[in-house]
PDB file of all heavy atoms in Angstrom:
ATOM      1  N   GLY A   1       1.034  -5.569  12.343  1.00  0.00           N
ATOM      2  CA  GLY A   1       0.727  -6.449  11.232  1.00  0.00           C
ATOM      3  C   GLY A   1       0.083  -5.756  10.047  1.00  0.00           C
ATOM      4  O   GLY A   1       0.001  -6.338   8.960  1.00  0.00           O
ATOM      5  N   GLN A   2      -0.353  -4.523  10.226  1.00  0.00           N
ATOM      6  CA  GLN A   2      -0.954  -3.790   9.122  1.00  0.00           C
ATOM      7  C   GLN A   2       0.139  -3.229   8.224  1.00  0.00           C
ATOM      8  O   GLN A   2       1.240  -2.913   8.664  1.00  0.00           O
ATOM      9  CB  GLN A   2      -1.825  -2.649   9.657  1.00  0.00           C
ATOM     10  CG  GLN A   2      -2.552  -1.845   8.590  1.00  0.00           C
ATOM     11  CD  GLN A   2      -3.461  -0.791   9.200  1.00  0.00           C
ATOM     12  OE1 GLN A   2      -3.774  -0.849  10.391  1.00  0.00           O
ATOM     13  NE2 GLN A   2      -3.872   0.184   8.393  1.00  0.00           N
ATOM     14  N   THR A   3      -0.173  -3.086   6.932  1.00  0.00           N
ATOM     15  CA  THR A   3       0.753  -2.503   5.968  1.00  0.00           C
ATOM     16  C   THR A   3       0.089  -1.345   5.249  1.00  0.00           C
ATOM     17  O   THR A   3      -1.047  -1.465   4.776  1.00  0.00           O
ATOM     18  CB  THR A   3       1.215  -3.544   4.931  1.00  0.00           C
ATOM     19  OG1 THR A   3       1.921  -4.598   5.595  1.00  0.00           O
ATOM     20  CG2 THR A   3       2.136  -2.914   3.891  1.00  0.00           C
ATOM     21  N   ILE A   4       0.782  -0.228   5.189  1.00  0.00           N
ATOM     22  CA  ILE A   4       0.339   0.926   4.410  1.00  0.00           C
ATOM     23  C   ILE A   4       1.137   0.920   3.115  1.00  0.00           C
ATOM     24  O   ILE A   4       2.379   0.906   3.136  1.00  0.00           O
ATOM     25  CB  ILE A   4       0.578   2.246   5.172  1.00  0.00           C
ATOM     26  CG1 ILE A   4      -0.148   2.228   6.519  1.00  0.00           C
ATOM     27  CG2 ILE A   4       0.141   3.446   4.340  1.00  0.00           C
ATOM     28  CD1 ILE A   4       0.206   3.405   7.428  1.00  0.00           C
ATOM     29  N   ARG A   5       0.462   0.904   1.989  1.00  0.00           N
ATOM     30  CA  ARG A   5       1.139   0.908   0.694  1.00  0.00           C
ATOM     31  C   ARG A   5       1.362   2.339   0.236  1.00  0.00           C
ATOM     32  O   ARG A   5       0.443   3.160   0.238  1.00  0.00           O
ATOM     33  CB  ARG A   5       0.332   0.163  -0.357  1.00  0.00           C
ATOM     34  CG  ARG A   5      -0.001  -1.271  -0.027  1.00  0.00           C
ATOM     35  CD  ARG A   5       1.194  -2.177   0.086  1.00  0.00           C
ATOM     36  NE  ARG A   5       2.120  -2.090  -1.037  1.00  0.00           N
ATOM     37  CZ  ARG A   5       3.072  -2.975  -1.275  1.00  0.00           C
ATOM     38  NH1 ARG A   5       3.252  -3.997  -0.451  1.00  0.00           N
ATOM     39  NH2 ARG A   5       3.885  -2.830  -2.316  1.00  0.00           N
ATOM     40  N   VAL A   6       2.595   2.639  -0.120  1.00  0.00           N
ATOM     41  CA  VAL A   6       2.953   3.941  -0.699  1.00  0.00           C
ATOM     42  C   VAL A   6       3.658   3.644  -2.006  1.00  0.00           C
ATOM     43  O   VAL A   6       4.824   3.234  -2.015  1.00  0.00           O
ATOM     44  CB  VAL A   6       3.880   4.754   0.232  1.00  0.00           C
ATOM     45  CG1 VAL A   6       4.129   6.143  -0.354  1.00  0.00           C
ATOM     46  CG2 VAL A   6       3.301   4.863   1.632  1.00  0.00           C
ATOM     47  N   GLY A   7       2.952   3.820  -3.125  1.00  0.00           N
ATOM     48  CA  GLY A   7       3.520   3.417  -4.399  1.00  0.00           C
ATOM     49  C   GLY A   7       3.896   1.947  -4.344  1.00  0.00           C
ATOM     50  O   GLY A   7       3.091   1.088  -3.987  1.00  0.00           O
ATOM     51  N   ARG A   8       5.154   1.640  -4.661  1.00  0.00           N
ATOM     52  CA  ARG A   8       5.612   0.244  -4.639  1.00  0.00           C
ATOM     53  C   ARG A   8       6.197  -0.163  -3.290  1.00  0.00           C
ATOM     54  O   ARG A   8       6.647  -1.296  -3.124  1.00  0.00           O
ATOM     55  CB  ARG A   8       6.649   0.018  -5.741  1.00  0.00           C
ATOM     56  CG  ARG A   8       7.927   0.811  -5.565  1.00  0.00           C
ATOM     57  CD  ARG A   8       8.872   0.656  -6.757  1.00  0.00           C
ATOM     58  NE  ARG A   8      10.124   1.370  -6.531  1.00  0.00           N
ATOM     59  CZ  ARG A   8      10.286   2.673  -6.726  1.00  0.00           C
ATOM     60  NH1 ARG A   8       9.261   3.409  -7.152  1.00  0.00           N
ATOM     61  NH2 ARG A   8      11.456   3.241  -6.504  1.00  0.00           N
ATOM     62  N   ALA A   9       6.209   0.758  -2.329  1.00  0.00           N
ATOM     63  CA  ALA A   9       6.807   0.483  -1.021  1.00  0.00           C
ATOM     64  C   ALA A   9       5.772  -0.056  -0.043  1.00  0.00           C
ATOM     65  O   ALA A   9       4.607   0.340  -0.058  1.00  0.00           O
ATOM     66  CB  ALA A   9       7.438   1.756  -0.446  1.00  0.00           C
ATOM     67  N   ALA A  10       6.241  -0.960   0.815  1.00  0.00           N
ATOM     68  CA  ALA A  10       5.412  -1.494   1.893  1.00  0.00           C
ATOM     69  C   ALA A  10       5.878  -0.894   3.211  1.00  0.00           C
ATOM     70  O   ALA A  10       7.044  -1.034   3.587  1.00  0.00           O
ATOM     71  CB  ALA A  10       5.521  -3.012   1.938  1.00  0.00           C
ATOM     72  N   VAL A  11       4.968  -0.221   3.907  1.00  0.00           N
ATOM     73  CA  VAL A  11       5.266   0.376   5.197  1.00  0.00           C
ATOM     74  C   VAL A  11       4.527  -0.440   6.254  1.00  0.00           C
ATOM     75  O   VAL A  11       3.309  -0.331   6.401  1.00  0.00           O
ATOM     76  CB  VAL A  11       4.849   1.862   5.244  1.00  0.00           C
ATOM     77  CG1 VAL A  11       5.195   2.470   6.600  1.00  0.00           C
ATOM     78  CG2 VAL A  11       5.516   2.645   4.115  1.00  0.00           C
ATOM     79  N   ASP A  12       5.274  -1.282   6.956  1.00  0.00           N
ATOM     80  CA  ASP A  12       4.675  -2.183   7.940  1.00  0.00           C
ATOM     81  C   ASP A  12       4.568  -1.510   9.298  1.00  0.00           C
ATOM     82  O   ASP A  12       5.496  -0.833   9.747  1.00  0.00           O
ATOM     83  CB  ASP A  12       5.517  -3.451   8.071  1.00  0.00           C
ATOM     84  CG  ASP A  12       5.541  -4.274   6.790  1.00  0.00           C
ATOM     85  OD1 ASP A  12       4.520  -4.297   6.087  1.00  0.00           O
ATOM     86  OD2 ASP A  12       6.594  -4.881   6.497  1.00  0.00           O
ATOM     87  N   VAL A  13       3.437  -1.717   9.957  1.00  0.00           N
ATOM     88  CA  VAL A  13       3.196  -1.164  11.293  1.00  0.00           C
ATOM     89  C   VAL A  13       3.669  -2.171  12.339  1.00  0.00           C
ATOM     90  O   VAL A  13       3.229  -3.321  12.347  1.00  0.00           O
ATOM     91  CB  VAL A  13       1.711  -0.844  11.502  1.00  0.00           C
ATOM     92  CG1 VAL A  13       1.478  -0.256  12.896  1.00  0.00           C
ATOM     93  CG2 VAL A  13       1.209   0.114  10.418  1.00  0.00           C
ATOM     94  N   VAL A  14       4.588  -1.726  13.200  1.00  0.00           N
ATOM     95  CA  VAL A  14       5.088  -2.559  14.294  1.00  0.00           C
ATOM     96  C   VAL A  14       4.733  -1.856  15.600  1.00  0.00           C
ATOM     97  O   VAL A  14       5.126  -0.704  15.821  1.00  0.00           O
ATOM     98  CB  VAL A  14       6.615  -2.758  14.193  1.00  0.00           C
ATOM     99  CG1 VAL A  14       7.109  -3.625  15.352  1.00  0.00           C
ATOM    100  CG2 VAL A  14       6.991  -3.378  12.854  1.00  0.00           C
ATOM    101  N   HIS A  15       3.978  -2.526  16.453  1.00  0.00           N
ATOM    102  CA  HIS A  15       3.573  -1.933  17.734  1.00  0.00           C
ATOM    103  C   HIS A  15       4.764  -1.972  18.681  1.00  0.00           C
ATOM    104  O   HIS A  15       5.249  -3.044  19.044  1.00  0.00           O
ATOM    105  CB  HIS A  15       2.389  -2.703  18.308  1.00  0.00           C
ATOM    106  CG  HIS A  15       1.748  -2.031  19.483  1.00  0.00           C
ATOM    107  ND1 HIS A  15       0.992  -2.715  20.408  1.00  0.00           N
ATOM    108  CD2 HIS A  15       1.730  -0.722  19.887  1.00  0.00           C
ATOM    109  CE1 HIS A  15       0.546  -1.874  21.325  1.00  0.00           C
ATOM    110  NE2 HIS A  15       0.982  -0.661  21.038  1.00  0.00           N
ATOM    111  N   THR A  16       5.250  -0.796  19.078  1.00  0.00           N
ATOM    112  CA  THR A  16       6.435  -0.699  19.949  1.00  0.00           C
ATOM    113  C   THR A  16       6.122   0.191  21.148  1.00  0.00           C
ATOM    114  O   THR A  16       6.704   1.258  21.326  1.00  0.00           O
ATOM    115  CB  THR A  16       7.637  -0.141  19.160  1.00  0.00           C
ATOM    116  OG1 THR A  16       7.231   1.053  18.448  1.00  0.00           O
ATOM    117  CG2 THR A  16       8.158  -1.142  18.156  1.00  0.00           C
ATOM    118  N   PRO A  17       5.190  -0.223  22.007  1.00  0.00           N
ATOM    119  CA  PRO A  17       4.762   0.623  23.118  1.00  0.00           C
ATOM    120  C   PRO A  17       5.808   0.710  24.223  1.00  0.00           C
ATOM    121  O   PRO A  17       6.757  -0.068  24.283  1.00  0.00           O
ATOM    122  CB  PRO A  17       3.496  -0.086  23.615  1.00  0.00           C
ATOM    123  CG  PRO A  17       3.746  -1.530  23.296  1.00  0.00           C
ATOM    124  CD  PRO A  17       4.489  -1.513  21.985  1.00  0.00           C
ATOM    125  N   GLY A  18       5.575   1.669  25.118  1.00  0.00           N
ATOM    126  CA  GLY A  18       6.459   1.878  26.263  1.00  0.00           C
ATOM    127  C   GLY A  18       6.634   3.357  26.540  1.00  0.00           C
ATOM    128  O   GLY A  18       6.462   3.809  27.668  1.00  0.00           O
ATOM    129  N   HIS A  19       6.963   4.124  25.505  1.00  0.00           N
ATOM    130  CA  HIS A  19       6.951   5.583  25.643  1.00  0.00           C
ATOM    131  C   HIS A  19       5.505   6.046  25.749  1.00  0.00           C
ATOM    132  O   HIS A  19       5.178   6.933  26.541  1.00  0.00           O
ATOM    133  CB  HIS A  19       7.652   6.220  24.454  1.00  0.00           C
ATOM    134  CG  HIS A  19       7.642   7.717  24.470  1.00  0.00           C
ATOM    135  ND1 HIS A  19       8.320   8.442  25.423  1.00  0.00           N
ATOM    136  CD2 HIS A  19       7.035   8.626  23.669  1.00  0.00           C
ATOM    137  CE1 HIS A  19       8.141   9.736  25.201  1.00  0.00           C
ATOM    138  NE2 HIS A  19       7.355   9.869  24.149  1.00  0.00           N
ATOM    139  N   THR A  20       4.653   5.465  24.918  1.00  0.00           N
ATOM    140  CA  THR A  20       3.197   5.575  25.040  1.00  0.00           C
ATOM    141  C   THR A  20       2.628   4.184  24.798  1.00  0.00           C
ATOM    142  O   THR A  20       3.308   3.301  24.274  1.00  0.00           O
ATOM    143  CB  THR A  20       2.586   6.555  24.009  1.00  0.00           C
ATOM    144  OG1 THR A  20       2.737   6.000  22.683  1.00  0.00           O
ATOM    145  CG2 THR A  20       3.264   7.924  24.066  1.00  0.00           C
ATOM    146  N   GLU A  21       1.364   3.992  25.144  1.00  0.00           N
ATOM    147  CA  GLU A  21       0.751   2.681  24.937  1.00  0.00           C
ATOM    148  C   GLU A  21       0.515   2.398  23.461  1.00  0.00           C
ATOM    149  O   GLU A  21       0.500   1.246  23.039  1.00  0.00           O
ATOM    150  CB  GLU A  21      -0.563   2.581  25.707  1.00  0.00           C
ATOM    151  CG  GLU A  21      -0.385   2.492  27.213  1.00  0.00           C
ATOM    152  CD  GLU A  21      -1.666   2.148  27.936  1.00  0.00           C
ATOM    153  OE1 GLU A  21      -2.645   2.901  27.779  1.00  0.00           O
ATOM    154  OE2 GLU A  21      -1.683   1.133  28.660  1.00  0.00           O
ATOM    155  N   GLY A  22       0.333   3.455  22.671  1.00  0.00           N
ATOM    156  CA  GLY A  22       0.049   3.260  21.253  1.00  0.00           C
ATOM    157  C   GLY A  22       1.213   3.560  20.334  1.00  0.00           C
ATOM    158  O   GLY A  22       1.029   3.699  19.122  1.00  0.00           O
ATOM    159  N   SER A  23       2.409   3.626  20.882  1.00  0.00           N
ATOM    160  CA  SER A  23       3.584   3.903  20.057  1.00  0.00           C
ATOM    161  C   SER A  23       3.798   2.808  19.016  1.00  0.00           C
ATOM    162  O   SER A  23       3.769   1.624  19.331  1.00  0.00           O
ATOM    163  CB  SER A  23       4.826   4.024  20.947  1.00  0.00           C
ATOM    164  OG  SER A  23       5.999   4.127  20.174  1.00  0.00           O
ATOM    165  N   VAL A  24       4.001   3.226  17.765  1.00  0.00           N
ATOM    166  CA  VAL A  24       4.305   2.275  16.699  1.00  0.00           C
ATOM    167  C   VAL A  24       5.558   2.734  15.963  1.00  0.00           C
ATOM    168  O   VAL A  24       5.942   3.909  16.006  1.00  0.00           O
ATOM    169  CB  VAL A  24       3.145   2.121  15.689  1.00  0.00           C
ATOM    170  CG1 VAL A  24       1.880   1.650  16.381  1.00  0.00           C
ATOM    171  CG2 VAL A  24       2.890   3.413  14.917  1.00  0.00           C
ATOM    172  N   SER A  25       6.204   1.786  15.297  1.00  0.00           N
ATOM    173  CA  SER A  25       7.282   2.089  14.368  1.00  0.00           C
ATOM    174  C   SER A  25       6.801   1.722  12.975  1.00  0.00           C
ATOM    175  O   SER A  25       6.112   0.707  12.798  1.00  0.00           O
ATOM    176  CB  SER A  25       8.550   1.293  14.712  1.00  0.00           C
ATOM    177  OG  SER A  25       9.058   1.659  15.977  1.00  0.00           O
ATOM    178  N   TYR A  26       7.148   2.535  11.988  1.00  0.00           N
ATOM    179  CA  TYR A  26       6.795   2.265  10.603  1.00  0.00           C
ATOM    180  C   TYR A  26       8.039   1.754   9.891  1.00  0.00           C
ATOM    181  O   TYR A  26       9.016   2.490   9.723  1.00  0.00           O
ATOM    182  CB  TYR A  26       6.257   3.526   9.927  1.00  0.00           C
ATOM    183  CG  TYR A  26       4.942   4.005  10.516  1.00  0.00           C
ATOM    184  CD1 TYR A  26       4.884   5.102  11.371  1.00  0.00           C
ATOM    185  CD2 TYR A  26       3.750   3.339  10.227  1.00  0.00           C
ATOM    186  CE1 TYR A  26       3.678   5.531  11.920  1.00  0.00           C
ATOM    187  CE2 TYR A  26       2.537   3.752  10.773  1.00  0.00           C
ATOM    188  CZ  TYR A  26       2.513   4.853  11.611  1.00  0.00           C
ATOM    189  OH  TYR A  26       1.326   5.263  12.155  1.00  0.00           O
ATOM    190  N   VAL A  27       8.012   0.479   9.486  1.00  0.00           N
ATOM    191  CA  VAL A  27       9.181  -0.164   8.893  1.00  0.00           C
ATOM    192  C   VAL A  27       8.994  -0.235   7.385  1.00  0.00           C
ATOM    193  O   VAL A  27       8.054  -0.868   6.885  1.00  0.00           O
ATOM    194  CB  VAL A  27       9.399  -1.566   9.484  1.00  0.00           C
ATOM    195  CG1 VAL A  27      10.595  -2.243   8.823  1.00  0.00           C
ATOM    196  CG2 VAL A  27       9.615  -1.470  10.997  1.00  0.00           C
ATOM    197  N   ILE A  28       9.905   0.400   6.666  1.00  0.00           N
ATOM    198  CA  ILE A  28       9.800   0.543   5.213  1.00  0.00           C
ATOM    199  C   ILE A  28      10.583  -0.569   4.535  1.00  0.00           C
ATOM    200  O   ILE A  28      11.814  -0.640   4.648  1.00  0.00           O
ATOM    201  CB  ILE A  28      10.327   1.911   4.751  1.00  0.00           C
ATOM    202  CG1 ILE A  28       9.701   3.050   5.563  1.00  0.00           C
ATOM    203  CG2 ILE A  28      10.083   2.102   3.261  1.00  0.00           C
ATOM    204  CD1 ILE A  28      10.436   4.373   5.431  1.00  0.00           C
ATOM    205  N   ASP A  29       9.867  -1.453   3.847  1.00  0.00           N
ATOM    206  CA  ASP A  29      10.483  -2.536   3.077  1.00  0.00           C
ATOM    207  C   ASP A  29      11.478  -3.351   3.900  1.00  0.00           C
ATOM    208  O   ASP A  29      12.461  -3.887   3.362  1.00  0.00           O
ATOM    209  CB  ASP A  29      11.176  -1.985   1.821  1.00  0.00           C
ATOM    210  CG  ASP A  29      10.176  -1.449   0.791  1.00  0.00           C
ATOM    211  OD1 ASP A  29       9.024  -1.928   0.795  1.00  0.00           O
ATOM    212  OD2 ASP A  29      10.548  -0.557   0.014  1.00  0.00           O
ATOM    213  N   GLY A  30      11.259  -3.431   5.208  1.00  0.00           N
ATOM    214  CA  GLY A  30      12.120  -4.221   6.069  1.00  0.00           C
ATOM    215  C   GLY A  30      13.517  -3.674   6.243  1.00  0.00           C
ATOM    216  O   GLY A  30      14.386  -4.340   6.814  1.00  0.00           O
ATOM    217  N   GLU A  31      13.746  -2.408   5.797  1.00  0.00           N
ATOM    218  CA  GLU A  31      15.104  -1.859   5.813  1.00  0.00           C
ATOM    219  C   GLU A  31      15.257  -0.605   6.662  1.00  0.00           C
ATOM    220  O   GLU A  31      16.332  -0.349   7.202  1.00  0.00           O
ATOM    221  CB  GLU A  31      15.561  -1.540   4.384  1.00  0.00           C
ATOM    222  CG  GLU A  31      15.689  -2.754   3.490  1.00  0.00           C
ATOM    223  CD  GLU A  31      16.331  -2.417   2.164  1.00  0.00           C
ATOM    224  OE1 GLU A  31      16.915  -1.312   2.033  1.00  0.00           O
ATOM    225  OE2 GLU A  31      16.234  -3.245   1.241  1.00  0.00           O
ATOM    226  N   VAL A  32      14.215   0.202   6.767  1.00  0.00           N
ATOM    227  CA  VAL A  32      14.269   1.467   7.496  1.00  0.00           C
ATOM    228  C   VAL A  32      13.117   1.508   8.485  1.00  0.00           C
ATOM    229  O   VAL A  32      11.964   1.264   8.110  1.00  0.00           O
ATOM    230  CB  VAL A  32      14.181   2.678   6.544  1.00  0.00           C
ATOM    231  CG1 VAL A  32      14.161   3.981   7.337  1.00  0.00           C
ATOM    232  CG2 VAL A  32      15.339   2.678   5.557  1.00  0.00           C
ATOM    233  N   ALA A  33      13.424   1.809   9.747  1.00  0.00           N
ATOM    234  CA  ALA A  33      12.385   1.897  10.779  1.00  0.00           C
ATOM    235  C   ALA A  33      12.246   3.338  11.244  1.00  0.00           C
ATOM    236  O   ALA A  33      13.208   3.918  11.765  1.00  0.00           O
ATOM    237  CB  ALA A  33      12.720   0.999  11.958  1.00  0.00           C
ATOM    238  N   LEU A  34      11.070   3.912  11.021  1.00  0.00           N
ATOM    239  CA  LEU A  34      10.745   5.225  11.591  1.00  0.00           C
ATOM    240  C   LEU A  34      10.204   4.940  12.988  1.00  0.00           C
ATOM    241  O   LEU A  34       9.052   4.547  13.157  1.00  0.00           O
ATOM    242  CB  LEU A  34       9.712   5.944  10.725  1.00  0.00           C
ATOM    243  CG  LEU A  34      10.027   6.065   9.227  1.00  0.00           C
ATOM    244  CD1 LEU A  34       8.936   6.869   8.513  1.00  0.00           C
ATOM    245  CD2 LEU A  34      11.387   6.702   8.996  1.00  0.00           C
ATOM    246  N   THR A  35      11.060   5.138  13.988  1.00  0.00           N
ATOM    247  CA  THR A  35      10.774   4.621  15.326  1.00  0.00           C
ATOM    248  C   THR A  35      10.087   5.615  16.253  1.00  0.00           C
ATOM    249  O   THR A  35       9.791   5.276  17.400  1.00  0.00           O
ATOM    250  CB  THR A  35      12.073   4.143  15.993  1.00  0.00           C
ATOM    251  OG1 THR A  35      13.052   5.193  15.929  1.00  0.00           O
ATOM    252  CG2 THR A  35      12.617   2.912  15.291  1.00  0.00           C
ATOM    253  N   GLY A  36       9.836   6.839  15.787  1.00  0.00           N
ATOM    254  CA  GLY A  36       9.192   7.806  16.664  1.00  0.00           C
ATOM    255  C   GLY A  36      10.017   8.034  17.914  1.00  0.00           C
ATOM    256  O   GLY A  36      11.222   8.280  17.854  1.00  0.00           O
TER     257      GLY A  36
END
């Protein structure tokens, strides 16, 4: 639910555990997911 602002872009934090307990994906403007 947290958002990191980078310029005009919104990078939303999505908790996606399983590989690790703290694994997150960073979703950029709802279009690109950096899934680790």
